[in-house]
Amino acid sequence: MMLGLAGVLAATAGLAQTAAQQEAENAKKWSVYWGWNRSNYSESDIHFTGSDHDFTLKNVAANDIQTDVTAQHLVDSYLNPAAFTVPQTNLRIAYQWNRDTSIALNLDHMKYVVAQDQSVPISGQINGVLQSGQQVIADNWLNYEHTDGLNIVSLEIEKQRPVDWFGDSHSARVFVLVGAGVVIPKTNATMHMIGQVRNDAFHLAGYSLGVGAGLEKDFGKDYFFRTAYKYGYVNLPDVLTSARGDKASQHFTYNELLMAVGMRF
């Protein structure tokens, strides 16, 4: 009888294990989200080179550009697929590798605009004329921005942990992530000081490394809300500033806050 009872218990345990395995196999492995971000940047030194110039601007400040959240902009920009690059946006496609680990392909579409009317140190030469002292970056001298945008395409690895902050330990999780990728800005540069007209082209300009943390909350069966903070380093040794092939280089750090909604499938 003891052997019979042991057999029943073993069979029950086997069925439970099989059910758990089946549930894990049937779990939705893929997810996609879409969201919006705000960002800020450290100061950076920008080195400009070309056939008639070779100069550096030091401690240059830059800002992002946030589309105002109004009823009109919600329709025209934020929720309009035809204008998806107007706001600062985020797109992520992820695969749930196991219970607490995911791997994701991520696009952070931020915007980087050098602040106008700031005075910064300058060194080097422009048209053979030595440059020194302070230079005011004004609209009649230089416009420099990655506004279409500062596009970071990265591979991220994420570790997750369930939390019961909302009463259900399975409906929310905190996470940390680390990522690395390439930066493909569409740099809008107008170099008035050498008579170069606006250049506006996508170009593989460098790479980025980043870390982050955040919270994800499920709603419904297949949907979730997500918010995260990211800190990253961007190195751009090959920025294209003119149609004739003039270049710039810079590196800086950024802080990014994002909110997104997503779906699992």
C-alpha atoms as a PDB file:
ATOM      1  CA  MET A   1       0.000   0.000   0.000  1.00  0.00           C
ATOM      2  CA  MET A   2       2.885   2.320   0.779  1.00  0.00           C
ATOM      3  CA  LEU A   3       4.291   1.618  -2.669  1.00  0.00           C
ATOM      4  CA  GLY A   4       0.912   2.408  -4.198  1.00  0.00           C
ATOM      5  CA  LEU A   5       0.649   5.706  -2.310  1.00  0.00           C
ATOM      6  CA  ALA A   6       4.188   6.633  -3.320  1.00  0.00           C
ATOM      7  CA  GLY A   7       3.298   5.898  -6.911  1.00  0.00           C
ATOM      8  CA  VAL A   8       0.238   8.149  -6.764  1.00  0.00           C
ATOM      9  CA  LEU A   9       2.261  10.981  -5.190  1.00  0.00           C
ATOM     10  CA  ALA A  10       5.000  10.600  -7.796  1.00  0.00           C
ATOM     11  CA  ALA A  11       2.449  10.649 -10.604  1.00  0.00           C
ATOM     12  CA  THR A  12       0.770  13.734  -9.129  1.00  0.00           C
ATOM     13  CA  ALA A  13       4.118  15.500  -8.848  1.00  0.00           C
ATOM     14  CA  GLY A  14       4.915  14.514 -12.398  1.00  0.00           C
ATOM     15  CA  LEU A  15       1.636  15.929 -13.638  1.00  0.00           C
ATOM     16  CA  ALA A  16       2.234  19.171 -11.720  1.00  0.00           C
ATOM     17  CA  GLN A  17       5.706  19.443 -13.165  1.00  0.00           C
ATOM     18  CA  THR A  18       4.405  18.744 -16.654  1.00  0.00           C
ATOM     19  CA  ALA A  19       1.725  21.401 -16.239  1.00  0.00           C
ATOM     20  CA  ALA A  20       4.304  23.934 -15.044  1.00  0.00           C
ATOM     21  CA  GLN A  21       6.560  23.110 -17.962  1.00  0.00           C
ATOM     22  CA  GLN A  22       3.673  23.380 -20.372  1.00  0.00           C
ATOM     23  CA  GLU A  23       2.685  26.754 -18.906  1.00  0.00           C
ATOM     24  CA  ALA A  24       6.242  28.010 -19.328  1.00  0.00           C
ATOM     25  CA  GLU A  25       6.355  26.746 -22.912  1.00  0.00           C
ATOM     26  CA  ASN A  26       3.022  28.384 -23.702  1.00  0.00           C
ATOM     27  CA  ALA A  27       3.987  31.726 -22.147  1.00  0.00           C
ATOM     28  CA  LYS A  28       4.214  34.590 -24.577  1.00  0.00           C
ATOM     29  CA  LYS A  29       7.899  35.005 -25.400  1.00  0.00           C
ATOM     30  CA  TRP A  30       7.882  38.147 -27.537  1.00  0.00           C
ATOM     31  CA  SER A  31       6.904  41.696 -26.708  1.00  0.00           C
ATOM     32  CA  VAL A  32       6.942  45.083 -28.399  1.00  0.00           C
ATOM     33  CA  TYR A  33       6.533  48.542 -26.926  1.00  0.00           C
ATOM     34  CA  TRP A  34       6.249  52.116 -28.114  1.00  0.00           C
ATOM     35  CA  GLY A  35       6.879  55.144 -25.932  1.00  0.00           C
ATOM     36  CA  TRP A  36       8.209  58.649 -25.463  1.00  0.00           C
ATOM     37  CA  ASN A  37      11.204  60.131 -23.656  1.00  0.00           C
ATOM     38  CA  ARG A  38      12.847  63.228 -22.205  1.00  0.00           C
ATOM     39  CA  SER A  39      16.625  63.555 -22.126  1.00  0.00           C
ATOM     40  CA  ASN A  40      19.428  65.861 -21.074  1.00  0.00           C
ATOM     41  CA  TYR A  41      23.111  65.901 -21.952  1.00  0.00           C
ATOM     42  CA  SER A  42      26.474  66.715 -20.478  1.00  0.00           C
ATOM     43  CA  GLU A  43      28.578  69.464 -22.006  1.00  0.00           C
ATOM     44  CA  SER A  44      30.982  68.295 -24.707  1.00  0.00           C
ATOM     45  CA  ASP A  45      33.903  69.465 -26.814  1.00  0.00           C
ATOM     46  CA  ILE A  46      33.046  69.413 -30.531  1.00  0.00           C
ATOM     47  CA  HIS A  47      35.906  69.198 -33.028  1.00  0.00           C
ATOM     48  CA  PHE A  48      35.111  70.354 -36.601  1.00  0.00           C
ATOM     49  CA  THR A  49      37.374  69.434 -39.531  1.00  0.00           C
ATOM     50  CA  GLY A  50      37.335  70.095 -43.281  1.00  0.00           C
ATOM     51  CA  SER A  51      39.451  71.402 -46.138  1.00  0.00           C
ATOM     52  CA  ASP A  52      39.159  75.007 -44.902  1.00  0.00           C
ATOM     53  CA  HIS A  53      38.732  74.580 -41.148  1.00  0.00           C
ATOM     54  CA  ASP A  54      40.002  72.678 -38.141  1.00  0.00           C
ATOM     55  CA  PHE A  55      38.712  74.019 -34.835  1.00  0.00           C
ATOM     56  CA  THR A  56      37.299  72.924 -31.491  1.00  0.00           C
ATOM     57  CA  LEU A  57      34.454  74.385 -29.445  1.00  0.00           C
ATOM     58  CA  LYS A  58      34.782  73.500 -25.764  1.00  0.00           C
ATOM     59  CA  ASN A  59      32.164  72.847 -23.088  1.00  0.00           C
ATOM     60  CA  VAL A  60      29.256  73.135 -25.494  1.00  0.00           C
ATOM     61  CA  ALA A  61      25.803  72.841 -23.901  1.00  0.00           C
ATOM     62  CA  ALA A  62      22.891  71.132 -25.654  1.00  0.00           C
ATOM     63  CA  ASN A  63      19.245  70.345 -24.946  1.00  0.00           C
ATOM     64  CA  ASP A  64      16.527  68.029 -26.188  1.00  0.00           C
ATOM     65  CA  ILE A  65      13.353  69.197 -27.934  1.00  0.00           C
ATOM     66  CA  GLN A  66      10.076  68.008 -26.485  1.00  0.00           C
ATOM     67  CA  THR A  67       6.868  68.309 -28.475  1.00  0.00           C
ATOM     68  CA  ASP A  68       4.271  69.906 -26.187  1.00  0.00           C
ATOM     69  CA  VAL A  69       1.618  67.481 -24.981  1.00  0.00           C
ATOM     70  CA  THR A  70      -1.571  69.127 -26.209  1.00  0.00           C
ATOM     71  CA  ALA A  71      -4.746  67.673 -27.658  1.00  0.00           C
ATOM     72  CA  GLN A  72      -3.698  68.804 -31.133  1.00  0.00           C
ATOM     73  CA  HIS A  73      -0.158  67.378 -30.822  1.00  0.00           C
ATOM     74  CA  LEU A  74      -1.532  64.092 -29.497  1.00  0.00           C
ATOM     75  CA  VAL A  75      -3.428  63.690 -32.771  1.00  0.00           C
ATOM     76  CA  ASP A  76      -0.859  65.244 -35.118  1.00  0.00           C
ATOM     77  CA  SER A  77       2.364  63.842 -33.626  1.00  0.00           C
ATOM     78  CA  TYR A  78       2.261  61.448 -30.687  1.00  0.00           C
ATOM     79  CA  LEU A  79      -0.436  59.123 -32.048  1.00  0.00           C
ATOM     80  CA  ASN A  80       0.110  59.718 -35.763  1.00  0.00           C
ATOM     81  CA  PRO A  81       2.067  56.870 -37.447  1.00  0.00           C
ATOM     82  CA  ALA A  82       2.986  59.208 -40.322  1.00  0.00           C
ATOM     83  CA  ALA A  83       4.750  61.603 -37.906  1.00  0.00           C
ATOM     84  CA  PHE A  84       6.297  59.091 -35.522  1.00  0.00           C
ATOM     85  CA  THR A  85       9.747  60.791 -35.559  1.00  0.00           C
ATOM     86  CA  VAL A  86       8.434  64.208 -34.541  1.00  0.00           C
ATOM     87  CA  PRO A  87       8.355  63.504 -30.781  1.00  0.00           C
ATOM     88  CA  GLN A  88      11.232  61.839 -28.943  1.00  0.00           C
ATOM     89  CA  THR A  89      10.228  58.199 -29.133  1.00  0.00           C
ATOM     90  CA  ASN A  90      11.244  54.682 -28.129  1.00  0.00           C
ATOM     91  CA  LEU A  91      10.700  51.353 -29.894  1.00  0.00           C
ATOM     92  CA  ARG A  92      11.655  47.986 -28.410  1.00  0.00           C
ATOM     93  CA  ILE A  93      11.252  44.375 -29.564  1.00  0.00           C
ATOM     94  CA  ALA A  94      12.151  41.830 -26.875  1.00  0.00           C
ATOM     95  CA  TYR A  95      12.417  38.078 -26.451  1.00  0.00           C
ATOM     96  CA  GLN A  96      11.845  36.589 -22.986  1.00  0.00           C
ATOM     97  CA  TRP A  97      14.818  34.242 -22.719  1.00  0.00           C
ATOM     98  CA  ASN A  98      13.742  32.748 -19.407  1.00  0.00           C
ATOM     99  CA  ARG A  99      11.636  33.653 -16.385  1.00  0.00           C
ATOM    100  CA  ASP A 100      13.746  36.660 -15.350  1.00  0.00           C
ATOM    101  CA  THR A 101      15.881  37.518 -18.402  1.00  0.00           C
ATOM    102  CA  SER A 102      15.030  39.186 -21.690  1.00  0.00           C
ATOM    103  CA  ILE A 103      17.037  40.253 -24.728  1.00  0.00           C
ATOM    104  CA  ALA A 104      15.856  43.267 -26.690  1.00  0.00           C
ATOM    105  CA  LEU A 105      16.567  45.259 -29.817  1.00  0.00           C
ATOM    106  CA  ASN A 106      15.981  48.857 -28.841  1.00  0.00           C
ATOM    107  CA  LEU A 107      15.688  52.214 -30.631  1.00  0.00           C
ATOM    108  CA  ASP A 108      16.021  55.379 -28.548  1.00  0.00           C
ATOM    109  CA  HIS A 109      15.092  58.292 -30.799  1.00  0.00           C
ATOM    110  CA  MET A 110      16.277  61.345 -28.867  1.00  0.00           C
ATOM    111  CA  LYS A 111      16.973  64.880 -30.052  1.00  0.00           C
ATOM    112  CA  TYR A 112      20.175  66.845 -29.386  1.00  0.00           C
ATOM    113  CA  VAL A 113      20.317  70.585 -30.078  1.00  0.00           C
ATOM    114  CA  VAL A 114      23.294  72.833 -29.362  1.00  0.00           C
ATOM    115  CA  ALA A 115      21.973  75.809 -27.388  1.00  0.00           C
ATOM    116  CA  GLN A 116      22.146  79.053 -29.344  1.00  0.00           C
ATOM    117  CA  ASP A 117      23.684  82.306 -28.078  1.00  0.00           C
ATOM    118  CA  GLN A 118      26.060  80.564 -25.683  1.00  0.00           C
ATOM    119  CA  SER A 119      29.685  81.730 -25.474  1.00  0.00           C
ATOM    120  CA  VAL A 120      32.292  78.941 -25.475  1.00  0.00           C
ATOM    121  CA  PRO A 121      36.085  78.698 -25.780  1.00  0.00           C
ATOM    122  CA  ILE A 122      37.381  78.143 -29.328  1.00  0.00           C
ATOM    123  CA  SER A 123      40.758  77.041 -30.673  1.00  0.00           C
ATOM    124  CA  GLY A 124      42.092  76.102 -34.121  1.00  0.00           C
ATOM    125  CA  GLN A 125      41.688  77.786 -37.509  1.00  0.00           C
ATOM    126  CA  ILE A 126      38.904  78.782 -39.919  1.00  0.00           C
ATOM    127  CA  ASN A 127      39.912  79.679 -43.482  1.00  0.00           C
ATOM    128  CA  GLY A 128      43.506  79.907 -42.276  1.00  0.00           C
ATOM    129  CA  VAL A 129      42.670  82.414 -39.536  1.00  0.00           C
ATOM    130  CA  LEU A 130      43.702  81.335 -36.042  1.00  0.00           C
ATOM    131  CA  GLN A 131      40.851  81.123 -33.550  1.00  0.00           C
ATOM    132  CA  SER A 132      41.150  81.745 -29.799  1.00  0.00           C
ATOM    133  CA  GLY A 133      39.223  83.202 -26.891  1.00  0.00           C
ATOM    134  CA  GLN A 134      35.427  82.987 -26.785  1.00  0.00           C
ATOM    135  CA  GLN A 135      32.977  82.341 -29.610  1.00  0.00           C
ATOM    136  CA  VAL A 136      29.232  82.990 -29.471  1.00  0.00           C
ATOM    137  CA  ILE A 137      27.305  80.186 -31.171  1.00  0.00           C
ATOM    138  CA  ALA A 138      24.620  82.201 -32.958  1.00  0.00           C
ATOM    139  CA  ASP A 139      22.221  81.526 -35.826  1.00  0.00           C
ATOM    140  CA  ASN A 140      24.456  83.464 -38.229  1.00  0.00           C
ATOM    141  CA  TRP A 141      27.548  81.420 -37.254  1.00  0.00           C
ATOM    142  CA  LEU A 142      26.605  77.762 -36.588  1.00  0.00           C
ATOM    143  CA  ASN A 143      23.549  75.556 -36.184  1.00  0.00           C
ATOM    144  CA  TYR A 144      24.343  72.034 -35.011  1.00  0.00           C
ATOM    145  CA  GLU A 145      21.801  69.453 -33.943  1.00  0.00           C
ATOM    146  CA  HIS A 146      20.907  65.788 -34.132  1.00  0.00           C
ATOM    147  CA  THR A 147      17.164  66.254 -34.346  1.00  0.00           C
ATOM    148  CA  ASP A 148      15.983  63.559 -36.736  1.00  0.00           C
ATOM    149  CA  GLY A 149      17.525  62.463 -34.445  1.00  0.00           C
ATOM    150  CA  LEU A 150      20.124  61.141 -32.014  1.00  0.00           C
ATOM    151  CA  ASN A 151      19.190  57.549 -32.931  1.00  0.00           C
ATOM    152  CA  ILE A 152      20.687  54.869 -30.690  1.00  0.00           C
ATOM    153  CA  VAL A 153      20.089  51.305 -31.930  1.00  0.00           C
ATOM    154  CA  SER A 154      21.191  48.935 -29.191  1.00  0.00           C
ATOM    155  CA  LEU A 155      21.035  45.362 -27.981  1.00  0.00           C
ATOM    156  CA  GLU A 156      19.952  45.217 -24.330  1.00  0.00           C
ATOM    157  CA  ILE A 157      20.026  42.434 -21.746  1.00  0.00           C
ATOM    158  CA  GLU A 158      17.525  42.823 -18.948  1.00  0.00           C
ATOM    159  CA  LYS A 159      17.143  41.108 -15.561  1.00  0.00           C
ATOM    160  CA  GLN A 160      13.713  41.218 -13.915  1.00  0.00           C
ATOM    161  CA  ARG A 161      12.261  40.568 -10.448  1.00  0.00           C
ATOM    162  CA  PRO A 162       8.537  40.342  -9.560  1.00  0.00           C
ATOM    163  CA  VAL A 163       7.139  42.773  -6.983  1.00  0.00           C
ATOM    164  CA  ASP A 164       3.791  42.771  -5.183  1.00  0.00           C
ATOM    165  CA  TRP A 165       3.382  46.544  -4.921  1.00  0.00           C
ATOM    166  CA  PHE A 166      -0.005  46.329  -6.663  1.00  0.00           C
ATOM    167  CA  GLY A 167      -1.344  43.318  -4.749  1.00  0.00           C
ATOM    168  CA  ASP A 168      -0.386  40.644  -7.283  1.00  0.00           C
ATOM    169  CA  SER A 169       3.183  39.374  -7.329  1.00  0.00           C
ATOM    170  CA  HIS A 170       2.832  38.296 -10.970  1.00  0.00           C
ATOM    171  CA  SER A 171       1.486  41.548 -12.429  1.00  0.00           C
ATOM    172  CA  ALA A 172       4.497  43.836 -11.934  1.00  0.00           C
ATOM    173  CA  ARG A 173       8.262  43.627 -11.992  1.00  0.00           C
ATOM    174  CA  VAL A 174      11.297  45.813 -11.533  1.00  0.00           C
ATOM    175  CA  PHE A 175      14.235  45.461 -13.866  1.00  0.00           C
ATOM    176  CA  VAL A 176      17.789  46.518 -14.574  1.00  0.00           C
ATOM    177  CA  LEU A 177      19.379  46.522 -18.004  1.00  0.00           C
ATOM    178  CA  VAL A 178      22.661  47.026 -19.805  1.00  0.00           C
ATOM    179  CA  GLY A 179      23.036  47.781 -23.494  1.00  0.00           C
ATOM    180  CA  ALA A 180      25.456  48.616 -26.286  1.00  0.00           C
ATOM    181  CA  GLY A 181      24.861  49.747 -29.833  1.00  0.00           C
ATOM    182  CA  VAL A 182      25.469  52.102 -32.709  1.00  0.00           C
ATOM    183  CA  VAL A 183      24.421  55.723 -33.138  1.00  0.00           C
ATOM    184  CA  ILE A 184      22.948  56.757 -36.501  1.00  0.00           C
ATOM    185  CA  PRO A 185      22.080  60.444 -36.191  1.00  0.00           C
ATOM    186  CA  LYS A 186      20.467  62.567 -38.858  1.00  0.00           C
ATOM    187  CA  THR A 187      22.603  65.606 -38.161  1.00  0.00           C
ATOM    188  CA  ASN A 188      21.249  69.011 -39.140  1.00  0.00           C
ATOM    189  CA  ALA A 189      24.317  71.250 -39.450  1.00  0.00           C
ATOM    190  CA  THR A 190      24.630  74.677 -41.056  1.00  0.00           C
ATOM    191  CA  MET A 191      28.163  76.109 -40.964  1.00  0.00           C
ATOM    192  CA  HIS A 192      27.562  79.759 -41.797  1.00  0.00           C
ATOM    193  CA  MET A 193      31.146  80.738 -40.892  1.00  0.00           C
ATOM    194  CA  ILE A 194      32.496  78.894 -43.963  1.00  0.00           C
ATOM    195  CA  GLY A 195      29.480  79.359 -46.224  1.00  0.00           C
ATOM    196  CA  GLN A 196      28.271  75.744 -46.043  1.00  0.00           C
ATOM    197  CA  VAL A 197      24.518  75.286 -46.383  1.00  0.00           C
ATOM    198  CA  ARG A 198      22.486  72.983 -44.181  1.00  0.00           C
ATOM    199  CA  ASN A 199      23.375  69.309 -44.332  1.00  0.00           C
ATOM    200  CA  ASP A 200      20.721  66.822 -43.280  1.00  0.00           C
ATOM    201  CA  ALA A 201      21.562  63.134 -43.761  1.00  0.00           C
ATOM    202  CA  PHE A 202      21.583  59.863 -41.829  1.00  0.00           C
ATOM    203  CA  HIS A 203      25.108  58.675 -41.079  1.00  0.00           C
ATOM    204  CA  LEU A 204      26.650  55.991 -38.880  1.00  0.00           C
ATOM    205  CA  ALA A 205      28.583  58.276 -36.545  1.00  0.00           C
ATOM    206  CA  GLY A 206      29.617  56.206 -33.520  1.00  0.00           C
ATOM    207  CA  TYR A 207      28.513  54.030 -30.645  1.00  0.00           C
ATOM    208  CA  SER A 208      26.786  54.147 -27.275  1.00  0.00           C
ATOM    209  CA  LEU A 209      26.899  52.232 -23.977  1.00  0.00           C
ATOM    210  CA  GLY A 210      24.136  52.436 -21.391  1.00  0.00           C
ATOM    211  CA  VAL A 211      22.557  51.098 -18.211  1.00  0.00           C
ATOM    212  CA  GLY A 212      19.059  51.509 -16.853  1.00  0.00           C
ATOM    213  CA  ALA A 213      16.381  50.495 -14.372  1.00  0.00           C
ATOM    214  CA  GLY A 214      12.629  50.719 -14.175  1.00  0.00           C
ATOM    215  CA  LEU A 215       9.193  49.267 -13.500  1.00  0.00           C
ATOM    216  CA  GLU A 216       6.791  47.292 -15.694  1.00  0.00           C
ATOM    217  CA  LYS A 217       3.097  46.795 -14.826  1.00  0.00           C
ATOM    218  CA  ASP A 218       0.706  44.463 -16.625  1.00  0.00           C
ATOM    219  CA  PHE A 219      -2.858  45.422 -17.489  1.00  0.00           C
ATOM    220  CA  GLY A 220      -5.238  43.046 -19.150  1.00  0.00           C
ATOM    221  CA  LYS A 221      -3.894  39.735 -20.399  1.00  0.00           C
ATOM    222  CA  ASP A 222      -1.406  40.832 -23.028  1.00  0.00           C
ATOM    223  CA  TYR A 223      -0.578  44.498 -22.366  1.00  0.00           C
ATOM    224  CA  PHE A 224       1.756  46.387 -20.084  1.00  0.00           C
ATOM    225  CA  PHE A 225       2.923  49.853 -19.071  1.00  0.00           C
ATOM    226  CA  ARG A 226       6.600  50.536 -18.575  1.00  0.00           C
ATOM    227  CA  THR A 227       8.723  53.383 -17.246  1.00  0.00           C
ATOM    228  CA  ALA A 228      12.504  53.502 -17.091  1.00  0.00           C
ATOM    229  CA  TYR A 229      15.540  55.664 -16.434  1.00  0.00           C
ATOM    230  CA  LYS A 230      18.647  55.246 -18.578  1.00  0.00           C
ATOM    231  CA  TYR A 231      22.148  56.646 -18.245  1.00  0.00           C
ATOM    232  CA  GLY A 232      24.407  56.393 -21.259  1.00  0.00           C
ATOM    233  CA  TYR A 233      27.653  57.358 -22.936  1.00  0.00           C
ATOM    234  CA  VAL A 234      27.749  58.422 -26.601  1.00  0.00           C
ATOM    235  CA  ASN A 235      30.942  58.623 -28.649  1.00  0.00           C
ATOM    236  CA  LEU A 236      30.574  60.169 -32.119  1.00  0.00           C
ATOM    237  CA  PRO A 237      33.958  60.235 -33.897  1.00  0.00           C
ATOM    238  CA  ASP A 238      32.451  60.566 -37.402  1.00  0.00           C
ATOM    239  CA  VAL A 239      29.604  63.098 -37.581  1.00  0.00           C
ATOM    240  CA  LEU A 240      28.818  64.303 -41.118  1.00  0.00           C
ATOM    241  CA  THR A 241      28.420  68.108 -41.216  1.00  0.00           C
ATOM    242  CA  SER A 242      28.341  68.954 -44.940  1.00  0.00           C
ATOM    243  CA  ALA A 243      27.511  67.439 -48.306  1.00  0.00           C
ATOM    244  CA  ARG A 244      31.187  67.725 -49.311  1.00  0.00           C
ATOM    245  CA  GLY A 245      32.224  65.446 -46.434  1.00  0.00           C
ATOM    246  CA  ASP A 246      33.231  67.809 -43.619  1.00  0.00           C
ATOM    247  CA  LYS A 247      33.183  66.077 -40.246  1.00  0.00           C
ATOM    248  CA  ALA A 248      32.783  66.685 -36.527  1.00  0.00           C
ATOM    249  CA  SER A 249      33.515  64.561 -33.485  1.00  0.00           C
ATOM    250  CA  GLN A 250      32.288  64.675 -29.903  1.00  0.00           C
ATOM    251  CA  HIS A 251      31.414  62.507 -26.899  1.00  0.00           C
ATOM    252  CA  PHE A 252      28.993  63.105 -24.041  1.00  0.00           C
ATOM    253  CA  THR A 253      26.737  61.401 -21.492  1.00  0.00           C
ATOM    254  CA  TYR A 254      22.969  61.527 -21.266  1.00  0.00           C
ATOM    255  CA  ASN A 255      20.096  60.946 -18.851  1.00  0.00           C
ATOM    256  CA  GLU A 256      16.850  59.630 -20.299  1.00  0.00           C
ATOM    257  CA  LEU A 257      13.403  59.119 -18.792  1.00  0.00           C
ATOM    258  CA  LEU A 258      10.861  57.138 -20.817  1.00  0.00           C
ATOM    259  CA  MET A 259       7.287  55.889 -20.608  1.00  0.00           C
ATOM    260  CA  ALA A 260       5.899  53.230 -22.933  1.00  0.00           C
ATOM    261  CA  VAL A 261       2.978  50.905 -23.543  1.00  0.00           C
ATOM    262  CA  GLY A 262       3.457  47.445 -24.958  1.00  0.00           C
ATOM    263  CA  MET A 263       1.979  44.118 -25.963  1.00  0.00           C
ATOM    264  CA  ARG A 264       3.121  40.492 -25.577  1.00  0.00           C
ATOM    265  CA  PHE A 265       2.572  37.843 -28.253  1.00  0.00           C
END
